[in-house]
Protein backbone atom coordinates (compact mmCIF):
# COMPACT_ATOMS: atom_id res chain seq x y z
CA MET A 1 110.57 79.54 91.11
CA ARG A 2 110.57 81.97 88.22
CA SER A 3 107.81 84.45 89.09
CA LEU A 4 107.01 86.27 92.34
CA VAL A 5 103.51 87.73 92.67
CA PHE A 6 102.74 90.26 95.38
CA ASP A 7 99.54 91.20 97.18
CA VAL A 8 99.08 94.93 97.77
CA GLY A 9 97.51 95.90 101.11
CA GLU A 10 99.88 95.26 104.05
CA THR A 11 102.30 93.56 101.66
CA LEU A 12 103.45 96.57 99.66
CA ILE A 13 101.20 99.27 101.14
CA ASP A 14 101.09 100.30 104.80
CA GLU A 15 97.38 101.00 105.29
CA THR A 16 97.79 102.99 108.52
CA ARG A 17 97.01 106.34 106.91
CA ILE A 18 93.98 104.94 105.08
CA TRP A 19 92.41 103.53 108.25
CA SER A 20 93.27 106.70 110.17
CA ARG A 21 91.44 108.83 107.63
CA TRP A 22 88.46 106.48 107.86
CA ALA A 23 88.41 106.82 111.65
CA ASP A 24 88.40 110.59 111.28
CA ARG A 25 85.67 110.39 108.67
CA LEU A 26 83.46 108.23 110.89
CA GLY A 27 84.13 110.35 113.96
CA VAL A 28 85.77 107.75 116.19
CA PRO A 29 89.24 107.70 117.77
CA ARG A 30 91.83 106.16 115.51
CA LEU A 31 92.77 103.56 118.12
CA THR A 32 89.12 102.50 118.32
CA PHE A 33 88.88 101.93 114.59
CA MET A 34 92.22 100.08 114.53
CA GLY A 35 91.14 97.93 117.45
CA VAL A 36 87.87 96.96 115.79
CA LEU A 37 89.74 96.20 112.58
CA GLY A 38 92.10 93.93 114.52
CA GLY A 39 89.08 92.24 116.04
CA MET A 40 87.74 91.45 112.60
CA ALA A 41 91.08 89.91 111.70
CA ALA A 42 91.07 87.78 114.84
CA LEU A 43 87.49 86.63 114.17
CA ASP A 44 88.12 85.80 110.50
CA ARG A 45 85.69 88.50 109.44
CA SER A 46 86.08 90.91 106.56
CA HIS A 47 87.59 94.34 107.14
CA ALA A 48 84.32 95.67 105.73
CA ASP A 49 82.57 94.37 108.86
CA ALA A 50 84.53 96.90 110.92
CA PHE A 51 82.50 99.67 109.34
CA GLN A 52 79.24 98.00 110.38
CA VAL A 53 80.48 97.58 113.95
CA ILE A 54 81.40 101.26 114.12
CA ARG A 55 78.32 102.52 112.29
CA PRO A 56 75.60 99.87 111.87
CA GLY A 57 73.74 100.13 108.58
CA LEU A 58 76.43 102.22 106.88
CA ASP A 59 76.23 102.14 103.08
CA LEU A 60 79.95 102.07 102.38
CA ASP A 61 79.69 102.80 98.66
CA ALA A 62 77.45 105.80 99.33
CA GLU A 63 79.83 107.05 102.02
CA ILE A 64 82.78 106.82 99.64
CA ALA A 65 80.82 108.69 96.97
CA ALA A 66 79.85 111.41 99.43
CA TRP A 67 83.44 111.72 100.64
CA ARG A 68 84.66 112.03 97.06
CA ALA A 69 82.13 114.77 96.36
CA GLU A 70 82.99 116.69 99.53
CA ASP A 71 86.77 116.37 99.30
CA PRO A 72 87.69 115.49 95.70
CA ASP A 73 91.37 116.40 95.98
CA SER A 74 92.29 114.28 99.02
CA LEU A 75 93.43 110.66 99.06
CA ARG A 76 90.35 109.62 101.08
CA GLU A 77 90.26 105.77 100.96
CA ASN A 78 93.14 105.59 98.49
CA PHE A 79 96.94 105.40 98.77
CA ASP A 80 100.01 106.86 97.11
CA GLY A 81 103.77 106.39 97.14
CA ASP A 82 104.11 107.72 100.68
CA ASP A 83 102.24 104.62 101.88
CA LEU A 84 104.79 102.13 100.57
CA TYR A 85 106.53 100.10 103.26
CA PRO A 86 110.18 101.25 103.50
CA ASP A 87 111.60 97.92 102.33
CA VAL A 88 109.53 97.64 99.13
CA ARG A 89 111.68 99.38 96.50
CA ASP A 90 115.03 97.91 97.53
CA SER A 91 113.60 94.42 97.99
CA LEU A 92 111.86 94.39 94.62
CA ALA A 93 115.00 95.73 92.96
CA ALA A 94 117.12 92.98 94.53
CA LEU A 95 114.67 90.28 93.47
CA ARG A 96 114.48 91.60 89.94
CA ALA A 97 118.27 91.77 89.72
CA ALA A 98 118.33 88.12 90.77
CA GLY A 99 116.32 87.28 87.67
CA TYR A 100 112.80 86.84 89.02
CA GLU A 101 109.76 88.06 87.12
CA LEU A 102 107.84 90.37 89.48
CA ILE A 103 104.08 90.91 89.30
CA ILE A 104 101.68 92.84 91.52
CA ALA A 105 98.19 91.32 91.72
CA GLY A 106 95.76 91.88 94.58
CA ASN A 107 92.21 92.68 95.60
CA GLN A 108 92.10 96.36 94.71
CA PRO A 109 89.69 98.85 93.15
CA SER A 110 90.31 100.19 89.66
CA GLN A 111 92.00 103.41 90.84
CA ALA A 112 94.72 101.42 92.59
CA TYR A 113 96.24 100.53 89.22
CA ASP A 114 97.07 104.15 88.43
CA ALA A 115 98.35 104.73 91.97
CA LEU A 116 100.71 101.74 91.75
CA LEU A 117 101.80 102.61 88.22
CA ALA A 118 102.72 106.14 89.33
CA MET A 119 105.13 104.69 91.91
CA ASP A 120 107.38 103.39 89.12
CA LEU A 121 108.17 100.20 91.02
CA PRO A 122 110.67 97.73 89.54
CA VAL A 123 108.03 95.19 88.51
CA ASP A 124 107.02 93.60 85.22
CA ALA A 125 103.25 93.97 85.52
CA ILE A 126 100.47 95.33 87.73
CA HIS A 127 96.98 93.82 87.92
CA THR A 128 93.91 94.45 90.09
CA SER A 129 90.88 92.37 90.96
CA ALA A 130 88.68 95.18 89.61
CA ALA A 131 90.22 94.86 86.14
CA TRP A 132 89.97 91.06 86.27
CA GLU A 133 86.44 91.18 87.72
CA VAL A 134 87.34 88.43 90.18
CA GLU A 135 88.68 88.60 93.73
CA LYS A 136 90.79 86.40 95.97
CA PRO A 137 90.38 83.77 97.22
CA ALA A 138 88.46 82.61 94.10
CA PRO A 139 90.38 79.99 92.11
CA GLU A 140 89.74 82.07 89.00
CA PHE A 141 91.90 84.86 90.44
CA PHE A 142 94.87 82.53 90.77
CA ALA A 143 94.23 81.10 87.30
CA LYS A 144 94.57 84.70 86.08
CA VAL A 145 97.84 85.02 88.01
CA ALA A 146 99.27 81.96 86.26
CA ALA A 147 98.04 83.21 82.88
CA VAL A 148 99.64 86.66 83.15
CA ALA A 149 102.87 85.16 84.50
CA GLY A 150 102.96 82.72 81.60
CA ARG A 151 104.34 80.07 83.94
CA SER A 152 103.24 76.76 85.30
CA PRO A 153 101.82 77.18 88.83
CA GLU A 154 104.74 75.46 90.53
CA GLU A 155 107.07 78.16 89.14
CA ILE A 156 105.12 80.92 90.92
CA LEU A 157 105.44 82.16 94.51
CA TYR A 158 102.50 84.23 95.75
CA VAL A 159 103.40 86.64 98.57
CA GLY A 160 100.71 87.95 100.91
CA ASP A 161 99.75 88.62 104.52
CA ARG A 162 96.78 86.26 104.88
CA ILE A 163 96.29 82.51 105.05
CA ASP A 164 92.69 82.61 103.81
CA ASN A 165 93.14 85.02 100.89
CA ASP A 166 96.72 84.29 99.91
CA VAL A 167 98.42 81.16 101.18
CA ARG A 168 95.62 78.60 101.04
CA PRO A 169 94.19 79.52 97.62
CA ALA A 170 97.65 79.90 96.08
CA LYS A 171 98.59 76.45 97.31
CA GLY A 172 95.27 75.12 96.06
CA ALA A 173 96.17 76.45 92.62
CA GLY A 174 99.46 74.54 92.70
CA MET A 175 101.63 77.57 93.47
CA ARG A 176 104.06 78.17 96.28
CA ALA A 177 103.16 80.73 98.92
CA ALA A 178 104.94 83.07 101.32
CA LEU A 179 103.17 84.46 104.39
CA LEU A 180 104.30 87.95 105.37
CA ARG A 181 104.14 88.86 109.07
CA ARG A 182 102.90 92.42 108.89
CA GLY A 183 99.55 94.10 109.19
CA PRO A 184 96.81 92.81 111.53
CA TRP A 185 96.11 89.67 109.52
CA GLY A 186 99.77 88.90 108.93
CA TYR A 187 100.76 88.84 112.59
CA LEU A 188 97.66 86.93 113.67
CA HIS A 189 97.77 84.39 110.86
CA ALA A 190 101.47 83.67 111.36
CA GLU A 191 100.61 82.42 114.86
CA ARG A 192 98.13 79.86 113.58
CA PRO A 193 98.95 76.20 112.91
CA GLU A 194 97.78 76.71 109.32
CA ALA A 195 100.78 78.96 108.74
CA SER A 196 102.70 75.73 108.18
CA GLN A 197 100.94 75.51 104.81
CA ALA A 198 103.13 78.37 103.59
CA ASP A 199 106.43 77.50 101.95
CA LEU A 200 107.96 80.54 103.65
CA VAL A 201 106.98 82.73 106.60
CA VAL A 202 108.91 86.01 106.50
CA ASP A 203 109.00 89.14 108.64
CA SER A 204 109.50 91.59 105.77
CA LEU A 205 110.12 91.81 102.05
CA ALA A 206 113.77 92.44 102.89
CA ASP A 207 113.75 89.07 104.65
CA LEU A 208 112.13 87.48 101.58
CA ALA A 209 114.71 89.02 99.25
CA ALA A 210 117.58 87.86 101.44
CA ARG A 211 116.26 84.30 101.50
CA LEU A 212 115.65 84.13 97.75
CA THR A 213 118.84 85.80 96.57
CA THR A 214 121.46 84.06 98.72
C-alpha cells in the first residue's frame, strides 16, 4: 500500500456536536435524536431518514437555509477543529512519517473543504463529494480516488466506518479497505458477517497507525 484515503464523518470527525445541535434545532431531546439515528444505522437507512422520522415532511434544505439566516455565525450543521477525534492528528502524522501518501475524500458538502483545510492536518490532499459532483458508494467516486492518488487501486487503502459506503465499494474498485469501529454505523457494521470483506477492522486510527507502521 502506498496511499491511505480517509472518510470524514465518524472517521476523522466526531459528529456528536452536530447531531446535538440538530436535536436542539428540531426541539427533541438529544438522546431521542441519537437513538433514531442509531435506528437508521441498524435498518440500513440513510441518516437523512432520521429527520423524517422526527419531523415528517421536513424540507431539510429549506431548514438549513432558514437556520443559516437566523444564526449565520454559528456552526449549525457544520464542524470545526474541535470536532476532530483525539487520535486524528498524531495518527496521521505517524502514517505520513512512515511514508504513506494521505488523502481525505468523503461525502461532504462544499463548505467542509474549507473547514478541513483550516485544521492544517498532515495530509497531502483534501477532496469532497460536492466538488467531485459524485457521492459514495458510486464507482465513479472511487475512480476519482484512484485518479487523485495517482496509484493503481491495489496500492490504495480506503478507511471508513461503513460497509455499504466504504468497504464494499472500495473493494469493488480493486482497493483495500479498513473498517473503523466508531460512530453508530461503525460499531454496528463491525458486528456483521460482511465485515470480513474488510482487509482490516480497527478500533481507532491509533490502532490503524500502529498496525501499519510496525
